[in-house]
Amino acid sequence: MRVIAGRFRSRRLKSPPGLDVRPTPDRLREALFNVLAPRLEGVTFIDAYAGTGSVGIEALSRGARRCIFIEHDRTALAVLKENVANLGIGREVEIVGGRASSVLARYPNAGIVFLDPPYPLEREYRACLELLGEAPPELTVVQHASRFELAERWGGLTRKRLLRQGDNSLSFFERNLLEM
C-alpha cells in the first residue's frame, strides 16, 4: 500500500498481516480524495477505524492540517504508530485507541470525519452516525459494503452523494444548515 498523492506521494505504508484489517483500496481512496480535494486544505480530519492510517495519512499528504486516528485493534494500532513515525508526522496527529462510537464525541470541531468500521460491525455505523448527527461536522464520509444500505439522514446529517465501486461504497453526509 502506498500514499497516492501530495507531499508523501509514493511512500509505502506498512500493513498488519492477516485479514483483520481491510485497508481502503488505492482506487477507492483515489476516488475519495478526488471528491475531497477542494475541502482538505487546513482541515482537521478524523480517520475513525483507521487501520494502517492510509486514509488519514493521505489527507495530511494532500493538505489537511491535523489528523486524529481512532483505532480499536491493537495490532493495527501498532502498525499505525509505525507508519506515523516513519513519515515523521507525529506533531500533526493524535492517535487514540478505542471504538469510534466511544471516542468521537471528544472531537466536535473536526471538519471531515471518515468512518470505516469493519463491515461485520454494522451496529458501529448506527452508533457513530447517530452520535455525529447530534453535533454534525461539515462532512462525514462513510465507507461501507455496497450491499449495506444506510439511511439518508442521521440527525443533522443528510447524504448528498453515494459513490459505488464494486463491493465498496462511499456515502457523503453533509451538515444540515437549516437544523443548526
Foldseek 3Di string as FASTA:
>chain_A
DAQPDAPRHRPDADADDDDPDDDDDPVVLVVVCVVCLVPLAAFEEEEFQCQLVNNVVNSVRRHHQAYEYEHADPRSLVSNVVRCVVVVPVVRYHYHYDHCLVPVVVCLAGQEYEAEDPAVPVVSVVSNLLSCLVRPHQKYKYKYFPVDDDDQDRNQWGFDDWADDPRIIITIIGGNPVND
